[in-house]
Full PDB file with SEQRES, HELIX, SHEET, SSBOND, CRYST1, ORIGX, SCALE, CONECT and MASTER records, all heavy atoms in Angstrom:
SEQRES   1 A   34  VAL VAL ALA GLU MET GLN SER GLN ILE ASP ALA ILE ILE          
SEQRES   2 A   34  ALA ASN ILE ASP LEU PRO ASP GLU PRO LEU THR TYR TYR          
SEQRES   3 A   34  HIS GLU LEU THR PRO ASP TYR TYR                              
HELIX    1 AA1 VAL A    2  ALA A   14  1                                  13    
CRYST1    1.000    1.000    1.000  90.00  90.00  90.00 P 1           1          
ORIGX1      1.000000  0.000000  0.000000        0.00000                         
ORIGX2      0.000000  1.000000  0.000000        0.00000                         
ORIGX3      0.000000  0.000000  1.000000        0.00000                         
SCALE1      1.000000  0.000000  0.000000        0.00000                         
SCALE2      0.000000  1.000000  0.000000        0.00000                         
SCALE3      0.000000  0.000000  1.000000        0.00000                         
ATOM      1  N   VAL A   1       0.837  -1.204   0.000  1.00  0.00           N  
ATOM      2  CA  VAL A   1       0.000   0.000   0.000  1.00  0.00           C  
ATOM      3  C   VAL A   1       0.867   1.248   0.000  1.00  0.00           C  
ATOM      4  O   VAL A   1       0.632   2.191  -0.766  1.00  0.00           O  
ATOM      5  CB  VAL A   1      -0.943   0.011   1.222  1.00  0.00           C  
ATOM      6  CG1 VAL A   1      -1.621   1.374   1.375  1.00  0.00           C  
ATOM      7  CG2 VAL A   1      -1.999  -1.076   1.080  1.00  0.00           C  
ATOM      8  N   VAL A   2       1.890   1.259   0.860  1.00  0.00           N  
ATOM      9  CA  VAL A   2       2.786   2.413   0.927  1.00  0.00           C  
ATOM     10  C   VAL A   2       3.498   2.617  -0.406  1.00  0.00           C  
ATOM     11  O   VAL A   2       3.590   3.744  -0.914  1.00  0.00           O  
ATOM     12  CB  VAL A   2       3.802   2.251   2.069  1.00  0.00           C  
ATOM     13  CG1 VAL A   2       4.887   3.328   1.990  1.00  0.00           C  
ATOM     14  CG2 VAL A   2       3.094   2.315   3.423  1.00  0.00           C  
ATOM     15  N   ALA A   3       3.991   1.533  -0.984  1.00  0.00           N  
ATOM     16  CA  ALA A   3       4.710   1.637  -2.254  1.00  0.00           C  
ATOM     17  C   ALA A   3       3.800   2.177  -3.354  1.00  0.00           C  
ATOM     18  O   ALA A   3       4.211   3.003  -4.175  1.00  0.00           O  
ATOM     19  CB  ALA A   3       5.272   0.275  -2.659  1.00  0.00           C  
ATOM     20  N   GLU A   4       2.543   1.724  -3.381  1.00  0.00           N  
ATOM     21  CA  GLU A   4       1.601   2.192  -4.393  1.00  0.00           C  
ATOM     22  C   GLU A   4       1.265   3.666  -4.187  1.00  0.00           C  
ATOM     23  O   GLU A   4       1.182   4.433  -5.154  1.00  0.00           O  
ATOM     24  CB  GLU A   4       0.324   1.354  -4.337  1.00  0.00           C  
ATOM     25  CG  GLU A   4      -0.738   1.742  -5.353  1.00  0.00           C  
ATOM     26  CD  GLU A   4      -0.309   1.511  -6.793  1.00  0.00           C  
ATOM     27  OE1 GLU A   4       0.684   0.784  -7.023  1.00  0.00           O  
ATOM     28  OE2 GLU A   4      -0.975   2.061  -7.697  1.00  0.00           O  
ATOM     29  N   MET A   5       1.080   4.068  -2.938  1.00  0.00           N  
ATOM     30  CA  MET A   5       0.822   5.483  -2.654  1.00  0.00           C  
ATOM     31  C   MET A   5       1.991   6.346  -3.104  1.00  0.00           C  
ATOM     32  O   MET A   5       1.815   7.382  -3.746  1.00  0.00           O  
ATOM     33  CB  MET A   5       0.570   5.682  -1.162  1.00  0.00           C  
ATOM     34  CG  MET A   5      -0.751   5.139  -0.658  1.00  0.00           C  
ATOM     35  SD  MET A   5      -0.944   5.348   1.143  1.00  0.00           S  
ATOM     36  CE  MET A   5      -1.036   7.157   1.269  1.00  0.00           C  
ATOM     37  N   GLN A   6       3.207   5.910  -2.753  1.00  0.00           N  
ATOM     38  CA  GLN A   6       4.398   6.673  -3.134  1.00  0.00           C  
ATOM     39  C   GLN A   6       4.515   6.773  -4.644  1.00  0.00           C  
ATOM     40  O   GLN A   6       4.819   7.849  -5.186  1.00  0.00           O  
ATOM     41  CB  GLN A   6       5.643   6.006  -2.546  1.00  0.00           C  
ATOM     42  CG  GLN A   6       5.744   6.116  -1.032  1.00  0.00           C  
ATOM     43  CD  GLN A   6       6.910   5.326  -0.471  1.00  0.00           C  
ATOM     44  OE1 GLN A   6       7.243   4.248  -0.975  1.00  0.00           O  
ATOM     45  NE2 GLN A   6       7.522   5.848   0.578  1.00  0.00           N  
ATOM     46  N   SER A   7       4.259   5.685  -5.339  1.00  0.00           N  
ATOM     47  CA  SER A   7       4.365   5.678  -6.796  1.00  0.00           C  
ATOM     48  C   SER A   7       3.346   6.618  -7.425  1.00  0.00           C  
ATOM     49  O   SER A   7       3.674   7.402  -8.338  1.00  0.00           O  
ATOM     50  CB  SER A   7       4.163   4.252  -7.311  1.00  0.00           C  
ATOM     51  OG  SER A   7       4.129   4.223  -8.719  1.00  0.00           O  
ATOM     52  N   GLN A   8       2.105   6.565  -6.944  1.00  0.00           N  
ATOM     53  CA  GLN A   8       1.067   7.420  -7.505  1.00  0.00           C  
ATOM     54  C   GLN A   8       1.318   8.892  -7.210  1.00  0.00           C  
ATOM     55  O   GLN A   8       1.115   9.750  -8.072  1.00  0.00           O  
ATOM     56  CB  GLN A   8      -0.296   6.996  -6.953  1.00  0.00           C  
ATOM     57  CG  GLN A   8      -0.755   5.637  -7.448  1.00  0.00           C  
ATOM     58  CD  GLN A   8      -2.144   5.275  -6.944  1.00  0.00           C  
ATOM     59  OE1 GLN A   8      -2.846   6.092  -6.365  1.00  0.00           O  
ATOM     60  NE2 GLN A   8      -2.547   4.032  -7.164  1.00  0.00           N  
ATOM     61  N   ILE A   9       1.765   9.187  -6.006  1.00  0.00           N  
ATOM     62  CA  ILE A   9       2.048  10.573  -5.649  1.00  0.00           C  
ATOM     63  C   ILE A   9       3.219  11.110  -6.462  1.00  0.00           C  
ATOM     64  O   ILE A   9       3.189  12.246  -6.943  1.00  0.00           O  
ATOM     65  CB  ILE A   9       2.309  10.707  -4.139  1.00  0.00           C  
ATOM     66  CG1 ILE A   9       0.989  10.495  -3.375  1.00  0.00           C  
ATOM     67  CG2 ILE A   9       2.902  12.073  -3.798  1.00  0.00           C  
ATOM     68  CD1 ILE A   9       1.144  10.474  -1.872  1.00  0.00           C  
ATOM     69  N   ASP A  10       4.251  10.293  -6.629  1.00  0.00           N  
ATOM     70  CA  ASP A  10       5.397  10.708  -7.457  1.00  0.00           C  
ATOM     71  C   ASP A  10       4.942  11.022  -8.880  1.00  0.00           C  
ATOM     72  O   ASP A  10       5.396  11.999  -9.492  1.00  0.00           O  
ATOM     73  CB  ASP A  10       6.460   9.615  -7.481  1.00  0.00           C  
ATOM     74  CG  ASP A  10       7.227   9.505  -6.173  1.00  0.00           C  
ATOM     75  OD1 ASP A  10       7.130  10.436  -5.342  1.00  0.00           O  
ATOM     76  OD2 ASP A  10       7.919   8.486  -5.966  1.00  0.00           O  
ATOM     77  N   ALA A  11       4.034  10.196  -9.416  1.00  0.00           N  
ATOM     78  CA  ALA A  11       3.547  10.411 -10.776  1.00  0.00           C  
ATOM     79  C   ALA A  11       2.720  11.693 -10.866  1.00  0.00           C  
ATOM     80  O   ALA A  11       2.822  12.445 -11.846  1.00  0.00           O  
ATOM     81  CB  ALA A  11       2.711   9.213 -11.218  1.00  0.00           C  
ATOM     82  N   ILE A  12       1.919  11.959  -9.852  1.00  0.00           N  
ATOM     83  CA  ILE A  12       1.114  13.181  -9.834  1.00  0.00           C  
ATOM     84  C   ILE A  12       2.011  14.415  -9.846  1.00  0.00           C  
ATOM     85  O   ILE A  12       1.797  15.357 -10.620  1.00  0.00           O  
ATOM     86  CB  ILE A  12       0.193  13.190  -8.596  1.00  0.00           C  
ATOM     87  CG1 ILE A  12      -0.891  12.123  -8.734  1.00  0.00           C  
ATOM     88  CG2 ILE A  12      -0.439  14.574  -8.399  1.00  0.00           C  
ATOM     89  CD1 ILE A  12      -1.689  11.893  -7.463  1.00  0.00           C  
ATOM     90  N   ILE A  13       3.014  14.397  -8.987  1.00  0.00           N  
ATOM     91  CA  ILE A  13       3.921  15.543  -8.890  1.00  0.00           C  
ATOM     92  C   ILE A  13       4.722  15.723 -10.182  1.00  0.00           C  
ATOM     93  O   ILE A  13       4.946  16.845 -10.647  1.00  0.00           O  
ATOM     94  CB  ILE A  13       4.861  15.376  -7.689  1.00  0.00           C  
ATOM     95  CG1 ILE A  13       4.051  15.393  -6.390  1.00  0.00           C  
ATOM     96  CG2 ILE A  13       5.928  16.466  -7.662  1.00  0.00           C  
ATOM     97  CD1 ILE A  13       4.862  15.075  -5.159  1.00  0.00           C  
ATOM     98  N   ALA A  14       5.118  14.605 -10.771  1.00  0.00           N  
ATOM     99  CA  ALA A  14       5.921  14.677 -11.996  1.00  0.00           C  
ATOM    100  C   ALA A  14       5.127  15.222 -13.178  1.00  0.00           C  
ATOM    101  O   ALA A  14       5.715  15.750 -14.130  1.00  0.00           O  
ATOM    102  CB  ALA A  14       6.467  13.286 -12.333  1.00  0.00           C  
ATOM    103  N   ASN A  15       3.812  15.126 -13.115  1.00  0.00           N  
ATOM    104  CA  ASN A  15       2.972  15.542 -14.244  1.00  0.00           C  
ATOM    105  C   ASN A  15       2.423  16.946 -14.115  1.00  0.00           C  
ATOM    106  O   ASN A  15       1.520  17.334 -14.875  1.00  0.00           O  
ATOM    107  CB  ASN A  15       1.813  14.551 -14.409  1.00  0.00           C  
ATOM    108  CG  ASN A  15       2.266  13.237 -15.022  1.00  0.00           C  
ATOM    109  OD1 ASN A  15       3.155  13.215 -15.868  1.00  0.00           O  
ATOM    110  ND2 ASN A  15       1.676  12.146 -14.578  1.00  0.00           N  
ATOM    111  N   ILE A  16       2.949  17.705 -13.173  1.00  0.00           N  
ATOM    112  CA  ILE A  16       2.564  19.116 -13.089  1.00  0.00           C  
ATOM    113  C   ILE A  16       3.829  19.964 -13.057  1.00  0.00           C  
ATOM    114  O   ILE A  16       4.881  19.523 -12.595  1.00  0.00           O  
ATOM    115  CB  ILE A  16       1.698  19.415 -11.844  1.00  0.00           C  
ATOM    116  CG1 ILE A  16       2.447  19.052 -10.554  1.00  0.00           C  
ATOM    117  CG2 ILE A  16       0.369  18.703 -11.909  1.00  0.00           C  
ATOM    118  CD1 ILE A  16       1.686  19.431  -9.301  1.00  0.00           C  
ATOM    119  N   ASP A  17       3.700  21.172 -13.566  1.00  0.00           N  
ATOM    120  CA  ASP A  17       4.815  22.111 -13.534  1.00  0.00           C  
ATOM    121  C   ASP A  17       4.697  22.965 -12.273  1.00  0.00           C  
ATOM    122  O   ASP A  17       3.807  23.814 -12.172  1.00  0.00           O  
ATOM    123  CB  ASP A  17       4.808  23.010 -14.777  1.00  0.00           C  
ATOM    124  CG  ASP A  17       5.091  22.231 -16.048  1.00  0.00           C  
ATOM    125  OD1 ASP A  17       5.872  21.270 -15.976  1.00  0.00           O  
ATOM    126  OD2 ASP A  17       4.524  22.580 -17.096  1.00  0.00           O  
ATOM    127  N   LEU A  18       5.572  22.694 -11.317  1.00  0.00           N  
ATOM    128  CA  LEU A  18       5.530  23.467 -10.086  1.00  0.00           C  
ATOM    129  C   LEU A  18       6.028  24.883 -10.353  1.00  0.00           C  
ATOM    130  O   LEU A  18       7.119  25.071 -10.905  1.00  0.00           O  
ATOM    131  CB  LEU A  18       6.407  22.808  -9.014  1.00  0.00           C  
ATOM    132  CG  LEU A  18       5.975  21.401  -8.577  1.00  0.00           C  
ATOM    133  CD1 LEU A  18       6.920  20.868  -7.506  1.00  0.00           C  
ATOM    134  CD2 LEU A  18       4.557  21.408  -8.054  1.00  0.00           C  
ATOM    135  N   PRO A  19       5.259  25.890 -10.018  1.00  0.00           N  
ATOM    136  CA  PRO A  19       5.665  27.271 -10.288  1.00  0.00           C  
ATOM    137  C   PRO A  19       6.808  27.709  -9.389  1.00  0.00           C  
ATOM    138  O   PRO A  19       6.982  27.189  -8.279  1.00  0.00           O  
ATOM    139  CB  PRO A  19       4.392  28.067  -9.983  1.00  0.00           C  
ATOM    140  CG  PRO A  19       3.680  27.242  -8.961  1.00  0.00           C  
ATOM    141  CD  PRO A  19       3.952  25.812  -9.341  1.00  0.00           C  
ATOM    142  N   ASP A  20       7.617  28.637  -9.874  1.00  0.00           N  
ATOM    143  CA  ASP A  20       8.696  29.183  -9.052  1.00  0.00           C  
ATOM    144  C   ASP A  20       8.118  29.883  -7.823  1.00  0.00           C  
ATOM    145  O   ASP A  20       8.667  29.792  -6.727  1.00  0.00           O  
ATOM    146  CB  ASP A  20       9.545  30.164  -9.872  1.00  0.00           C  
ATOM    147  CG  ASP A  20      10.270  29.469 -11.008  1.00  0.00           C  
ATOM    148  OD1 ASP A  20      10.556  28.266 -10.872  1.00  0.00           O  
ATOM    149  OD2 ASP A  20      10.532  30.128 -12.030  1.00  0.00           O  
ATOM    150  N   GLU A  21       7.031  30.592  -8.024  1.00  0.00           N  
ATOM    151  CA  GLU A  21       6.330  31.264  -6.933  1.00  0.00           C  
ATOM    152  C   GLU A  21       5.138  30.395  -6.547  1.00  0.00           C  
ATOM    153  O   GLU A  21       4.260  30.140  -7.372  1.00  0.00           O  
ATOM    154  CB  GLU A  21       5.830  32.637  -7.390  1.00  0.00           C  
ATOM    155  CG  GLU A  21       5.282  33.499  -6.274  1.00  0.00           C  
ATOM    156  CD  GLU A  21       6.372  34.147  -5.441  1.00  0.00           C  
ATOM    157  OE1 GLU A  21       7.512  34.251  -5.940  1.00  0.00           O  
ATOM    158  OE2 GLU A  21       6.078  34.550  -4.319  1.00  0.00           O  
ATOM    159  N   PRO A  22       5.081  29.875  -5.301  1.00  0.00           N  
ATOM    160  CA  PRO A  22       3.996  28.966  -4.924  1.00  0.00           C  
ATOM    161  C   PRO A  22       2.610  29.557  -5.173  1.00  0.00           C  
ATOM    162  O   PRO A  22       2.367  30.742  -4.922  1.00  0.00           O  
ATOM    163  CB  PRO A  22       4.230  28.749  -3.423  1.00  0.00           C  
ATOM    164  CG  PRO A  22       5.680  29.037  -3.218  1.00  0.00           C  
ATOM    165  CD  PRO A  22       6.017  30.131  -4.197  1.00  0.00           C  
ATOM    166  N   LEU A  23       1.727  28.748  -5.696  1.00  0.00           N  
ATOM    167  CA  LEU A  23       0.343  29.153  -5.821  1.00  0.00           C  
ATOM    168  C   LEU A  23      -0.289  29.193  -4.430  1.00  0.00           C  
ATOM    169  O   LEU A  23       0.100  28.428  -3.542  1.00  0.00           O  
ATOM    170  CB  LEU A  23      -0.424  28.167  -6.702  1.00  0.00           C  
ATOM    171  CG  LEU A  23       0.018  28.059  -8.171  1.00  0.00           C  
ATOM    172  CD1 LEU A  23      -0.711  26.908  -8.848  1.00  0.00           C  
ATOM    173  CD2 LEU A  23      -0.252  29.361  -8.902  1.00  0.00           C  
ATOM    174  N   THR A  24      -1.259  30.054  -4.254  1.00  0.00           N  
ATOM    175  CA  THR A  24      -1.906  30.162  -2.956  1.00  0.00           C  
ATOM    176  C   THR A  24      -3.290  29.515  -3.002  1.00  0.00           C  
ATOM    177  O   THR A  24      -3.921  29.439  -4.055  1.00  0.00           O  
ATOM    178  CB  THR A  24      -2.052  31.631  -2.522  1.00  0.00           C  
ATOM    179  OG1 THR A  24      -2.807  32.338  -3.510  1.00  0.00           O  
ATOM    180  CG2 THR A  24      -0.686  32.281  -2.354  1.00  0.00           C  
ATOM    181  N   TYR A  25      -3.738  29.045  -1.833  1.00  0.00           N  
ATOM    182  CA  TYR A  25      -5.049  28.411  -1.763  1.00  0.00           C  
ATOM    183  C   TYR A  25      -5.787  28.824  -0.505  1.00  0.00           C  
ATOM    184  O   TYR A  25      -5.194  29.255   0.490  1.00  0.00           O  
ATOM    185  CB  TYR A  25      -4.911  26.884  -1.800  1.00  0.00           C  
ATOM    186  CG  TYR A  25      -4.315  26.286  -0.535  1.00  0.00           C  
ATOM    187  CD1 TYR A  25      -5.110  25.926   0.556  1.00  0.00           C  
ATOM    188  CD2 TYR A  25      -2.943  26.078  -0.427  1.00  0.00           C  
ATOM    189  CE1 TYR A  25      -4.558  25.381   1.707  1.00  0.00           C  
ATOM    190  CE2 TYR A  25      -2.390  25.541   0.708  1.00  0.00           C  
ATOM    191  CZ  TYR A  25      -3.200  25.188   1.776  1.00  0.00           C  
ATOM    192  OH  TYR A  25      -2.647  24.659   2.921  1.00  0.00           O  
ATOM    193  N   TYR A  26      -7.101  28.682  -0.586  1.00  0.00           N  
ATOM    194  CA  TYR A  26      -7.979  28.826   0.567  1.00  0.00           C  
ATOM    195  C   TYR A  26      -8.764  27.535   0.684  1.00  0.00           C  
ATOM    196  O   TYR A  26      -9.534  27.174  -0.203  1.00  0.00           O  
ATOM    197  CB  TYR A  26      -8.910  30.026   0.398  1.00  0.00           C  
ATOM    198  CG  TYR A  26     -10.108  30.024   1.337  1.00  0.00           C  
ATOM    199  CD1 TYR A  26      -9.934  30.074   2.718  1.00  0.00           C  
ATOM    200  CD2 TYR A  26     -11.406  29.961   0.832  1.00  0.00           C  
ATOM    201  CE1 TYR A  26     -11.031  30.053   3.575  1.00  0.00           C  
ATOM    202  CE2 TYR A  26     -12.504  29.954   1.681  1.00  0.00           C  
ATOM    203  CZ  TYR A  26     -12.316  29.997   3.048  1.00  0.00           C  
ATOM    204  OH  TYR A  26     -13.397  29.983   3.902  1.00  0.00           O  
ATOM    205  N   HIS A  27      -8.562  26.799   1.767  1.00  0.00           N  
ATOM    206  CA  HIS A  27      -9.242  25.530   2.019  1.00  0.00           C  
ATOM    207  C   HIS A  27     -10.347  25.805   3.033  1.00  0.00           C  
ATOM    208  O   HIS A  27     -10.073  26.102   4.194  1.00  0.00           O  
ATOM    209  CB  HIS A  27      -8.236  24.499   2.567  1.00  0.00           C  
ATOM    210  CG  HIS A  27      -8.833  23.178   2.934  1.00  0.00           C  
ATOM    211  ND1 HIS A  27      -8.622  22.042   2.193  1.00  0.00           N  
ATOM    212  CD2 HIS A  27      -9.620  22.791   3.976  1.00  0.00           C  
ATOM    213  CE1 HIS A  27      -9.244  21.020   2.752  1.00  0.00           C  
ATOM    214  NE2 HIS A  27      -9.860  21.453   3.845  1.00  0.00           N  
ATOM    215  N   GLU A  28     -11.585  25.696   2.604  1.00  0.00           N  
ATOM    216  CA  GLU A  28     -12.707  26.058   3.465  1.00  0.00           C  
ATOM    217  C   GLU A  28     -13.252  24.843   4.216  1.00  0.00           C  
ATOM    218  O   GLU A  28     -13.747  23.891   3.623  1.00  0.00           O  
ATOM    219  CB  GLU A  28     -13.820  26.699   2.628  1.00  0.00           C  
ATOM    220  CG  GLU A  28     -14.999  27.201   3.459  1.00  0.00           C  
ATOM    221  CD  GLU A  28     -15.933  28.069   2.655  1.00  0.00           C  
ATOM    222  OE1 GLU A  28     -15.545  29.236   2.363  1.00  0.00           O  
ATOM    223  OE2 GLU A  28     -17.032  27.593   2.288  1.00  0.00           O  
ATOM    224  N   LEU A  29     -13.156  24.913   5.550  1.00  0.00           N  
ATOM    225  CA  LEU A  29     -13.685  23.844   6.392  1.00  0.00           C  
ATOM    226  C   LEU A  29     -15.168  24.038   6.691  1.00  0.00           C  
ATOM    227  O   LEU A  29     -15.922  23.069   6.786  1.00  0.00           O  
ATOM    228  CB  LEU A  29     -12.917  23.782   7.712  1.00  0.00           C  
ATOM    229  CG  LEU A  29     -11.459  23.322   7.644  1.00  0.00           C  
ATOM    230  CD1 LEU A  29     -10.801  23.483   9.005  1.00  0.00           C  
ATOM    231  CD2 LEU A  29     -11.369  21.877   7.175  1.00  0.00           C  
ATOM    232  N   THR A  30     -15.566  25.277   6.887  1.00  0.00           N  
ATOM    233  CA  THR A  30     -16.952  25.608   7.215  1.00  0.00           C  
ATOM    234  C   THR A  30     -17.353  26.889   6.495  1.00  0.00           C  
ATOM    235  O   THR A  30     -16.483  27.686   6.128  1.00  0.00           O  
ATOM    236  CB  THR A  30     -17.124  25.827   8.737  1.00  0.00           C  
ATOM    237  OG1 THR A  30     -16.285  26.912   9.152  1.00  0.00           O  
ATOM    238  CG2 THR A  30     -16.754  24.574   9.516  1.00  0.00           C  
ATOM    239  N   PRO A  31     -18.641  27.124   6.303  1.00  0.00           N  
ATOM    240  CA  PRO A  31     -19.075  28.329   5.590  1.00  0.00           C  
ATOM    241  C   PRO A  31     -18.759  29.628   6.310  1.00  0.00           C  
ATOM    242  O   PRO A  31     -18.881  30.705   5.714  1.00  0.00           O  
ATOM    243  CB  PRO A  31     -20.602  28.138   5.473  1.00  0.00           C  
ATOM    244  CG  PRO A  31     -20.819  26.681   5.629  1.00  0.00           C  
ATOM    245  CD  PRO A  31     -19.774  26.220   6.592  1.00  0.00           C  
ATOM    246  N   ASP A  32     -18.363  29.530   7.597  1.00  0.00           N  
ATOM    247  CA  ASP A  32     -17.975  30.750   8.304  1.00  0.00           C  
ATOM    248  C   ASP A  32     -16.455  30.923   8.299  1.00  0.00           C  
ATOM    249  O   ASP A  32     -15.885  31.534   9.195  1.00  0.00           O  
ATOM    250  CB  ASP A  32     -18.547  30.802   9.718  1.00  0.00           C  
ATOM    251  CG  ASP A  32     -18.323  29.528  10.499  1.00  0.00           C  
ATOM    252  OD1 ASP A  32     -17.810  28.560   9.913  1.00  0.00           O  
ATOM    253  OD2 ASP A  32     -18.665  29.487  11.698  1.00  0.00           O  
ATOM    254  N   TYR A  33     -15.825  30.352   7.272  1.00  0.00           N  
ATOM    255  CA  TYR A  33     -14.450  30.681   6.883  1.00  0.00           C  
ATOM    256  C   TYR A  33     -13.358  30.124   7.793  1.00  0.00           C  
ATOM    257  O   TYR A  33     -12.264  30.681   7.859  1.00  0.00           O  
ATOM    258  CB  TYR A  33     -14.284  32.207   6.726  1.00  0.00           C  
ATOM    259  CG  TYR A  33     -15.381  32.839   5.933  1.00  0.00           C  
ATOM    260  CD1 TYR A  33     -16.185  33.836   6.470  1.00  0.00           C  
ATOM    261  CD2 TYR A  33     -15.657  32.407   4.627  1.00  0.00           C  
ATOM    262  CE1 TYR A  33     -17.225  34.398   5.740  1.00  0.00           C  
ATOM    263  CE2 TYR A  33     -16.686  32.957   3.893  1.00  0.00           C  
ATOM    264  CZ  TYR A  33     -17.476  33.960   4.446  1.00  0.00           C  
ATOM    265  OH  TYR A  33     -18.496  34.498   3.718  1.00  0.00           O  
ATOM    266  N   TYR A  34     -13.630  29.018   8.498  1.00  0.00           N  
ATOM    267  CA  TYR A  34     -12.520  28.311   9.141  1.00  0.00           C  
ATOM    268  C   TYR A  34     -11.715  27.623   8.051  1.00  0.00           C  
ATOM    269  O   TYR A  34     -12.269  27.104   7.075  1.00  0.00           O  
ATOM    270  CB  TYR A  34     -13.035  27.294  10.159  1.00  0.00           C  
ATOM    271  CG  TYR A  34     -13.396  27.910  11.484  1.00  0.00           C  
ATOM    272  CD1 TYR A  34     -14.724  28.125  11.841  1.00  0.00           C  
ATOM    273  CD2 TYR A  34     -12.395  28.290  12.385  1.00  0.00           C  
ATOM    274  CE1 TYR A  34     -15.056  28.708  13.044  1.00  0.00           C  
ATOM    275  CE2 TYR A  34     -12.723  28.873  13.602  1.00  0.00           C  
ATOM    276  CZ  TYR A  34     -14.052  29.079  13.920  1.00  0.00           C  
ATOM    277  OH  TYR A  34     -14.370  29.651  15.126  1.00  0.00           O  
TER     278      TYR A  34                                                      
MASTER        0    0    0    1    0    0    0    6  277    1    0    3          
END                                                                             
């Protein structure tokens, strides 16, 4: 399971171009902005 997770995650990361300047995100837990 660990090996499969590592392999899939490595493939995901390899298939995107990581920007020099990190992209920003807002992860909403609740509608009142936690």
